[in-house]
Protein backbone atom coordinates (compact mmCIF):
# COMPACT_ATOMS: atom_id res chain seq x y z
CA MET A 1 0.15 -0.10 -0.20
CA GLY A 2 2.61 2.65 0.61
CA PHE A 3 4.32 1.48 -2.10
CA GLN A 4 1.96 2.09 -4.68
CA LEU A 5 0.80 5.54 -3.01
CA TRP A 6 4.51 6.53 -2.87
CA GLU A 7 4.39 5.74 -7.37
CA SER A 8 1.32 7.50 -7.51
CA ARG A 9 2.54 10.73 -5.86
CA HIS A 10 5.59 10.88 -8.20
CA ALA A 11 4.07 9.43 -11.57
CA GLU A 12 4.10 12.51 -13.23
CA GLN A 13 8.15 12.76 -12.21
CA ALA A 14 9.02 9.14 -13.83
CA PRO A 15 10.72 8.68 -16.78
CA SER A 16 9.51 6.56 -19.65
CA GLU A 17 10.59 3.33 -20.17
CA LYS A 18 12.78 4.17 -23.11
CA ASN A 19 13.87 6.78 -21.19
CA ALA A 20 14.70 4.43 -17.78
CA ARG A 21 16.33 1.65 -20.78
CA ARG A 22 19.13 4.63 -21.34
CA GLY A 23 19.54 6.05 -18.04
CA LEU A 24 20.36 1.84 -17.31
CA LEU A 25 22.72 2.15 -20.13
CA VAL A 26 24.50 5.22 -19.15
CA GLY A 27 24.64 3.92 -15.83
CA TRP A 28 25.92 0.47 -15.44
CA PRO A 29 29.45 1.97 -16.90
CA VAL A 30 29.51 4.88 -14.96
CA LEU A 31 28.84 2.47 -11.46
CA ALA A 32 31.52 0.03 -13.24
CA LEU A 33 34.09 2.90 -13.49
CA PHE A 34 34.02 3.68 -9.49
CA VAL A 35 34.23 0.06 -8.46
CA ALA A 36 37.46 -0.77 -10.69
CA LEU A 37 39.22 2.60 -10.11
CA PRO A 38 40.11 0.91 -5.99
CA LEU A 39 40.42 -1.82 -7.69
CA VAL A 40 42.74 -0.60 -10.40
CA TYR A 41 44.74 1.32 -7.64
CA PHE A 42 45.80 -1.41 -5.81
CA LEU A 43 46.31 -3.89 -8.25
CA VAL A 44 48.81 -1.28 -9.98
CA ASP A 45 52.80 -0.88 -8.26
CA PHE A 46 52.03 1.81 -6.67
CA PRO A 47 54.10 3.32 -3.94
CA VAL A 48 52.64 2.68 -0.60
CA GLN A 49 49.92 6.20 0.24
CA PRO A 50 48.43 5.91 3.62
CA LEU A 51 44.78 6.60 3.40
CA LEU A 52 43.14 9.07 5.84
CA PRO A 53 39.83 8.75 7.71
CA LEU A 54 36.99 11.68 6.34
CA ASN A 55 37.26 12.81 9.90
CA PHE A 56 35.44 16.10 9.57
CA ALA A 57 35.45 17.33 13.18
CA ALA A 58 39.46 17.62 12.91
CA GLY A 59 39.06 19.78 9.57
CA GLY A 60 36.05 21.00 9.13
CA ARG A 61 33.89 20.17 6.52
CA GLY A 62 35.24 23.24 4.02
CA GLY A 63 39.04 22.35 5.63
CA VAL A 64 42.38 21.38 4.67
CA LEU A 65 43.46 17.40 5.46
CA PRO A 66 46.58 17.35 6.82
CA LYS A 67 49.88 16.35 4.50
CA VAL A 68 50.83 12.72 4.49
CA PRO A 69 53.96 11.08 3.91
CA ARG A 70 54.40 9.75 1.16
CA VAL A 71 55.57 5.91 2.16
CA GLU A 72 58.11 4.14 -0.22
CA ARG A 73 57.23 0.39 -0.15
CA ARG A 74 60.82 -1.72 1.39
CA CYS A 75 62.94 -2.64 -1.21
CA ASP A 76 65.41 -5.88 -0.87
CA VAL A 77 68.81 -4.49 -2.46
CA PHE A 78 70.55 -7.31 -2.09
CA LYS A 79 68.16 -9.76 -3.89
CA GLY A 80 68.38 -8.91 -8.18
CA ARG A 81 70.38 -9.51 -10.56
CA TRP A 82 72.63 -8.43 -13.21
CA VAL A 83 71.04 -6.14 -16.41
CA ARG A 84 73.30 -5.04 -19.16
CA ASP A 85 74.73 -1.35 -18.71
CA THR A 86 77.13 0.22 -21.26
CA ASN A 87 77.64 3.04 -19.32
CA ALA A 88 78.24 1.13 -15.60
CA THR A 89 81.47 2.05 -15.21
CA TYR A 90 82.43 4.91 -13.25
CA TYR A 91 86.29 4.78 -13.97
CA SER A 92 88.94 3.67 -15.60
CA ASN A 93 92.50 2.35 -14.78
CA ALA A 94 94.35 5.69 -16.72
CA THR A 95 92.06 7.77 -14.28
CA CYS A 96 92.27 6.65 -10.75
CA PRO A 97 96.49 5.97 -9.93
CA LEU A 98 95.11 4.16 -6.71
CA ILE A 99 94.66 0.98 -8.09
CA GLN A 100 96.89 -2.01 -7.31
CA ASP A 101 98.66 -3.77 -9.56
CA GLN A 102 97.47 -7.11 -8.83
CA GLN A 103 93.69 -5.89 -9.41
CA ASN A 104 94.74 -3.73 -12.49
CA CYS A 105 93.60 -6.29 -15.24
CA LEU A 106 92.54 -4.03 -18.14
CA LYS A 107 96.48 -2.38 -17.37
CA LEU A 108 98.24 -6.28 -16.93
CA GLY A 109 96.10 -7.26 -20.85
CA ARG A 110 93.04 -8.45 -19.96
CA PRO A 111 91.44 -8.47 -23.91
CA ASP A 112 88.02 -8.62 -22.98
CA ARG A 113 86.14 -5.81 -21.57
CA ASP A 114 82.18 -6.71 -21.63
CA PHE A 115 81.97 -7.28 -17.23
CA LEU A 116 82.46 -3.84 -16.98
CA ASN A 117 79.06 -3.55 -18.97
CA TRP A 118 76.64 -4.64 -15.94
CA ARG A 119 75.15 -2.98 -12.97
CA TRP A 120 73.29 -5.23 -10.30
CA LYS A 121 69.73 -3.87 -10.01
CA PRO A 122 67.51 -5.31 -7.40
CA ASP A 123 64.19 -7.35 -8.06
CA GLU A 124 61.60 -4.54 -6.63
CA CYS A 125 63.78 -0.72 -6.76
CA GLU A 126 66.58 0.67 -8.99
CA LEU A 127 70.21 1.04 -6.63
CA PRO A 128 70.92 5.06 -7.47
CA ARG A 129 74.73 5.12 -9.17
CA PHE A 130 77.25 6.14 -6.66
CA ASP A 131 77.70 10.32 -5.89
CA PRO A 132 81.17 9.92 -4.64
CA VAL A 133 79.76 14.00 -3.31
CA ARG A 134 76.59 12.78 -1.74
CA PHE A 135 79.46 10.11 0.34
CA LEU A 136 81.47 12.35 1.03
CA GLU A 137 78.80 15.10 2.80
CA LEU A 138 77.67 11.74 5.21
CA MET A 139 81.25 11.28 6.37
CA ARG A 140 81.98 14.97 7.36
CA GLY A 141 83.67 14.69 10.65
CA LYS A 142 83.38 10.73 10.54
CA SER A 143 85.51 7.87 10.63
CA LEU A 144 84.61 5.11 8.61
CA ALA A 145 87.03 1.13 8.67
CA PHE A 146 87.33 -1.39 6.76
CA ILE A 147 88.64 -4.82 9.13
CA GLY A 148 89.27 -7.62 7.24
CA ASP A 149 91.58 -9.76 4.79
CA SER A 150 92.53 -9.04 0.58
CA VAL A 151 89.69 -8.73 -0.16
CA ALA A 152 88.65 -5.81 2.19
CA ARG A 153 91.65 -4.02 0.59
CA ASN A 154 89.68 -4.29 -2.58
CA HIS A 155 86.32 -3.02 -1.49
CA LEU A 156 88.74 0.10 0.28
CA ARG A 157 90.39 0.45 -3.35
CA SER A 158 87.23 0.58 -5.11
CA LEU A 159 86.00 3.36 -3.05
CA MET A 160 88.95 4.91 -3.27
CA CYS A 161 88.53 5.39 -6.70
CA LEU A 162 84.99 6.72 -6.63
CA LEU A 163 86.17 8.98 -4.29
CA TYR A 164 89.14 9.95 -6.40
CA GLY A 165 86.56 12.00 -8.87
CA VAL A 166 86.25 14.60 -7.09
CA LEU A 167 89.11 14.53 -4.46
CA ASP A 168 93.18 14.56 -5.03
CA ILE A 169 94.92 11.83 -3.34
CA PRO A 170 94.00 12.05 0.39
CA ASP A 171 97.07 11.70 3.03
CA ASP A 172 98.10 8.79 4.15
CA VAL A 173 98.56 9.64 7.94
CA THR A 174 99.59 5.88 8.99
CA PRO A 175 102.66 5.95 9.90
CA LYS A 176 101.53 8.47 13.18
CA PHE A 177 99.26 5.62 13.91
CA ILE A 178 100.19 1.89 14.15
CA PRO A 179 103.20 0.25 12.90
CA GLU A 180 101.97 -2.99 11.22
CA THR A 181 102.09 -1.75 7.78
CA ARG A 182 99.30 -3.87 6.26
CA SER A 183 97.31 -1.05 7.59
CA ARG A 184 96.68 1.79 6.66
CA LYS A 185 94.90 5.42 7.61
CA TRP A 186 93.86 7.87 5.29
CA TYR A 187 92.43 11.34 5.81
CA PHE A 188 91.02 13.90 4.12
CA PRO A 189 90.72 17.35 5.17
CA GLU A 190 87.78 18.70 3.89
CA TYR A 191 85.50 17.00 5.17
CA ASN A 192 87.46 15.61 7.98
CA PHE A 193 87.46 12.36 6.98
CA THR A 194 89.02 9.74 8.20
CA LEU A 195 89.09 6.11 6.04
CA ALA A 196 91.65 3.25 7.94
CA ARG A 197 91.49 -0.59 6.36
CA PHE A 198 92.99 -2.85 9.24
CA TRP A 199 94.77 -5.74 8.34
CA ALA A 200 93.21 -9.06 10.07
CA PRO A 201 92.05 -11.77 7.48
CA PHE A 202 91.26 -14.12 10.64
CA LEU A 203 89.31 -11.20 13.21
CA VAL A 204 91.38 -12.88 16.08
CA LYS A 205 94.95 -13.04 16.86
CA ALA A 206 96.82 -15.38 14.97
CA SER A 207 100.14 -16.67 14.68
CA ASN A 208 102.26 -18.76 12.22
CA THR A 209 100.65 -16.84 9.02
CA ASP A 210 103.69 -16.84 6.47
CA SER A 211 101.66 -17.11 3.35
CA LEU A 212 104.58 -17.99 1.68
CA SER A 213 105.20 -21.26 3.47
CA LYS A 214 103.54 -23.87 1.42
CA SER A 215 101.77 -25.31 4.16
CA TYR A 216 99.95 -22.14 4.80
CA ARG A 217 99.04 -23.32 8.49
CA ALA A 218 98.00 -20.54 11.37
CA ASP A 219 97.64 -20.89 15.23
CA LEU A 220 94.42 -18.82 16.11
CA ARG A 221 93.69 -17.43 19.49
CA LEU A 222 89.69 -18.26 18.93
CA ASP A 223 89.29 -16.36 21.83
CA GLU A 224 91.61 -13.20 21.24
CA PRO A 225 90.60 -10.31 19.05
CA ASP A 226 93.46 -8.99 16.40
CA GLU A 227 94.84 -6.33 17.93
CA SER A 228 95.93 -4.31 14.98
CA TRP A 229 92.03 -3.24 15.27
CA ALA A 230 90.77 -4.29 18.71
CA ARG A 231 93.07 -1.25 20.09
CA GLU A 232 91.99 1.44 17.77
CA ILE A 233 88.20 0.95 17.10
CA GLU A 234 86.21 1.99 19.69
CA LYS A 235 86.77 5.54 17.83
CA PHE A 236 85.45 4.77 14.56
CA ASP A 237 81.88 6.05 13.73
CA PHE A 238 81.52 3.05 10.79
CA VAL A 239 83.09 -0.38 10.97
CA ILE A 240 82.56 -3.02 7.83
CA LEU A 241 83.71 -6.34 8.86
CA SER A 242 84.65 -9.05 6.99
CA ALA A 243 86.58 -12.25 6.56
CA GLY A 244 86.49 -16.22 4.91
CA HIS A 245 88.77 -16.91 2.94
CA TRP A 246 91.77 -17.80 5.13
CA PHE A 247 90.04 -19.96 7.20
CA PHE A 248 90.69 -22.43 4.12
CA ARG A 249 94.18 -22.74 5.35
CA SER A 250 95.34 -25.07 7.67
CA LEU A 251 94.72 -24.00 11.38
CA THR A 252 94.86 -25.15 14.43
CA PHE A 253 92.72 -23.45 17.27
CA TYR A 254 93.33 -22.28 20.97
CA GLU A 255 90.81 -20.97 23.48
CA GLU A 256 92.22 -19.84 26.18
CA GLY A 257 95.40 -20.92 26.07
CA ARG A 258 95.35 -24.10 25.60
CA LEU A 259 94.95 -26.70 22.00
CA VAL A 260 91.01 -27.18 21.26
CA GLY A 261 91.00 -28.77 17.88
CA CYS A 262 92.54 -28.16 14.10
CA SER A 263 90.95 -27.45 10.63
CA ALA A 264 92.97 -29.33 7.75
CA CYS A 265 96.05 -30.23 9.97
CA TRP A 266 95.71 -34.17 9.77
CA ARG A 267 96.38 -34.47 13.20
CA SER A 268 94.99 -37.48 14.62
CA ASP A 269 96.17 -36.49 18.15
CA VAL A 270 94.11 -33.16 17.40
CA PRO A 271 89.81 -32.69 17.03
CA ASN A 272 89.10 -32.51 13.60
CA LEU A 273 86.66 -29.66 14.53
CA THR A 274 86.54 -27.91 11.15
CA ARG A 275 87.02 -24.32 9.24
CA HIS A 276 83.54 -23.23 10.22
CA TYR A 277 84.01 -24.45 13.58
CA GLY A 278 86.43 -21.25 13.95
CA TYR A 279 85.15 -19.21 11.54
CA ARG A 280 81.87 -19.15 13.61
CA LYS A 281 84.11 -18.51 17.40
CA ALA A 282 86.17 -15.28 15.32
CA PHE A 283 82.90 -13.95 14.47
CA GLN A 284 81.59 -14.33 17.75
CA THR A 285 85.16 -12.81 19.27
CA ALA A 286 84.77 -9.15 17.08
CA TYR A 287 81.17 -8.93 17.98
CA ARG A 288 81.94 -9.44 21.96
CA THR A 289 84.73 -6.64 21.66
CA LEU A 290 83.15 -4.53 19.62
CA LEU A 291 79.94 -4.63 22.06
CA LYS A 292 82.59 -4.68 25.08
CA LEU A 293 83.99 -1.35 24.26
CA GLU A 294 82.12 1.21 26.57
CA GLY A 295 83.22 4.09 24.37
CA TYR A 296 82.18 2.65 21.35
CA LYS A 297 78.91 3.53 19.31
CA GLY A 298 80.08 3.19 15.97
CA VAL A 299 77.83 1.59 13.50
CA THR A 300 78.78 -2.07 12.72
CA ILE A 301 77.98 -3.48 9.00
CA LEU A 302 78.90 -7.32 8.14
CA ARG A 303 79.78 -7.41 4.62
CA THR A 304 79.52 -11.44 3.75
CA PHE A 305 81.29 -13.46 2.18
CA SER A 306 82.41 -12.90 -1.31
CA PRO A 307 82.76 -16.29 -3.42
CA GLU A 308 85.65 -17.41 -5.50
CA HIS A 309 85.44 -19.09 -9.05
CA PHE A 310 88.29 -21.48 -10.01
CA GLU A 311 87.05 -24.24 -12.51
CA ASN A 312 89.19 -27.07 -12.95
CA GLY A 313 91.27 -26.46 -10.18
CA SER A 314 92.99 -24.06 -7.36
CA TRP A 315 94.64 -20.92 -7.61
CA ASN A 316 97.94 -23.21 -7.64
CA ASN A 317 97.08 -26.49 -9.80
CA GLY A 318 95.35 -25.06 -12.66
CA GLY A 319 92.22 -23.20 -12.09
CA ARG A 320 91.23 -20.64 -13.84
CA CYS A 321 87.97 -18.66 -13.96
CA LEU A 322 87.56 -17.76 -18.00
CA ARG A 323 83.70 -16.65 -17.92
CA THR A 324 83.30 -13.14 -19.36
CA ARG A 325 80.03 -13.15 -18.37
CA PRO A 326 77.51 -13.35 -15.56
CA TYR A 327 75.57 -16.01 -14.63
CA THR A 328 71.71 -16.38 -14.56
CA GLU A 329 70.69 -17.27 -11.21
CA ALA A 330 69.38 -20.15 -13.36
CA GLU A 331 72.80 -21.85 -13.90
CA ILE A 332 74.30 -21.35 -10.30
CA LYS A 333 73.01 -22.13 -6.27
CA LEU A 334 74.19 -20.31 -3.42
CA ASN A 335 75.60 -24.44 -1.91
CA GLY A 336 78.54 -25.72 -0.56
CA SER A 337 81.42 -23.92 1.65
CA ASN A 338 80.18 -20.83 0.13
CA LEU A 339 77.04 -21.68 1.43
CA GLU A 340 77.85 -22.51 4.22
CA MET A 341 80.59 -19.77 5.22
CA HIS A 342 77.57 -16.80 4.12
CA THR A 343 75.29 -19.16 6.73
CA THR A 344 77.95 -18.96 9.90
CA GLN A 345 77.79 -15.05 9.44
CA MET A 346 74.93 -14.64 9.13
CA GLU A 347 73.65 -16.69 12.48
CA GLU A 348 76.37 -14.77 14.26
CA PHE A 349 75.68 -11.32 12.51
CA ARG A 350 71.81 -11.70 13.65
CA ALA A 351 72.63 -12.94 17.24
CA ALA A 352 74.79 -10.20 17.59
CA GLY A 353 72.63 -7.14 16.42
CA ARG A 354 70.00 -8.50 19.38
CA GLU A 355 73.07 -7.98 21.77
CA ALA A 356 73.74 -4.76 20.12
CA ALA A 357 69.94 -3.72 20.03
CA LYS A 358 69.93 -4.12 24.46
CA ARG A 359 72.55 -1.68 23.90
CA GLY A 360 71.41 1.12 21.63
CA LEU A 361 73.55 -0.17 18.84
CA LYS A 362 73.32 -0.60 15.46
CA PHE A 363 74.50 -3.51 13.13
CA ARG A 364 73.61 -2.88 9.52
CA LEU A 365 74.56 -5.98 6.48
CA LEU A 366 75.82 -5.67 3.47
CA ASP A 367 75.14 -8.52 1.79
CA MET A 368 76.90 -9.52 -0.79
CA THR A 369 77.16 -12.62 -1.25
CA GLU A 370 74.71 -14.20 -3.72
CA ALA A 371 75.31 -10.80 -6.35
CA MET A 372 79.07 -12.04 -6.47
CA LEU A 373 78.17 -15.79 -6.58
CA LEU A 374 76.69 -14.33 -10.34
CA ARG A 375 80.03 -13.02 -11.58
CA PRO A 376 82.58 -15.20 -12.44
CA ASP A 377 83.98 -12.98 -15.43
CA GLY A 378 85.12 -10.58 -12.48
CA HIS A 379 88.01 -11.50 -11.84
CA PRO A 380 91.43 -11.26 -12.85
CA ASN A 381 92.31 -15.01 -13.15
CA LEU A 382 95.41 -13.85 -14.92
CA TYR A 383 95.39 -10.81 -15.77
CA TRP A 384 96.67 -9.86 -12.10
CA HIS A 385 100.54 -10.03 -12.72
CA SER A 386 102.94 -8.31 -15.35
CA ARG A 387 103.38 -10.89 -18.24
CA HIS A 388 106.98 -10.92 -17.28
CA VAL A 389 106.66 -12.84 -14.30
CA ASN A 390 107.20 -16.39 -14.16
CA THR A 391 103.82 -17.96 -12.64
CA THR A 392 101.01 -19.61 -14.08
CA SER A 393 98.64 -19.59 -11.05
CA SER A 394 95.03 -17.35 -11.60
CA ASP A 395 93.61 -15.12 -9.01
CA CYS A 396 89.82 -15.93 -9.06
CA LEU A 397 88.91 -14.44 -5.59
CA HIS A 398 89.84 -10.13 -6.47
CA TRP A 399 88.22 -8.84 -7.73
CA CYS A 400 89.04 -6.65 -11.18
CA LEU A 401 89.12 -2.90 -10.80
CA PRO A 402 86.87 -0.83 -12.19
CA GLY A 403 84.36 -4.34 -11.93
CA PRO A 404 81.33 -5.20 -10.04
CA VAL A 405 83.39 -5.12 -6.93
CA ASP A 406 82.20 -1.04 -7.76
CA THR A 407 78.47 -2.22 -6.60
CA TRP A 408 79.70 -3.07 -2.99
CA ASN A 409 80.25 0.89 -2.22
CA GLU A 410 76.80 1.95 -4.19
CA LEU A 411 74.75 -0.69 -2.12
CA LEU A 412 77.26 0.55 1.04
CA LEU A 413 76.48 4.44 0.42
CA HIS A 414 72.91 2.67 0.60
CA VAL A 415 73.40 1.62 3.96
CA LEU A 416 74.53 5.02 4.98
CA ILE A 417 72.28 6.60 3.42
CA SER A 418 69.72 4.82 5.14
CA GLU A 419 71.12 5.61 8.88
CA SER A 420 71.25 9.42 8.38
CA VAL A 421 67.02 9.96 7.41
């Protein structure tokens, strides 16, 4: 009855049957558009923008809604692939005089150049190119230390070449600093920036480490840090920690002054504890040392294990790295000793990071393992020494400069920027 009454009162305003059909034809697409637009917004990969509630009590119906900061989706910059880019190189052996001959592949005759034409592309975002001015501004009045072996030195030399484009060669202040000749310190007066490298291939105290010995053995005090870095590191603002390849030699392990085991020592009277036992203990000691330093307020950055790419032998018995392009993810997987070294590092890094958080300290990650596993083409191979040197050994462990190791500093800058915002 009520419906009939409403219909009779509004009969004059009701459209004809023909107009009603036209209204439906026009109305449905409009309705579909209003339904589809929100779906498109969520399905298309836009940066995330928070939605505001319609709260007119705060601003009034005629007021202006407050601005909401744009929130970018987080991106794992360590997951990605190498993509071709003919503009990937920042410098050459002609423009950077700081390259050591062992990594100066072009100077020493490497004939191919295609290994220079690749850049790292994270899966979910773009990695900005290295900006030396921005890096130096972030480092103004600060200090940065590399702790590790010759691969850490490789990393540092890449950084120095990247900075050389805007600065002259920095002041070498090593004589005022430490007597250990394999550790160095530089000062950039324009930015009051100190850069150091501490030679500590095991991170912990070691003896009998003659690299010229055929046995390549070493005795490690696994519960004592290497004093070359431990006595100086407290005042540094950023510390990049790394280690790895020296643990593949014959090692004997000592804790609390007594022999507890060994790795690749072939001794029947000593327990075989494997290299990973010593590797884990070394990182535990390094992290514990940093956390116990009362004056240490720095950011600790772990640079993960850098894989080698010897094929058909090792460095001194015919092993080579002859590939001239990167692997794809389908061609190689992280496994074996590379996986074990990386896993050990990550487990100890996470455990130390939890303890660091209790002290208000920051532990950050520079996870290069999987990215560098894909670059068998980036090593010196035979082009690490003069042609006049009588040796057939290859270097498939260090990285050519320039080369893929420059990406480490692109990612380092990303980490530093993240700390500054």
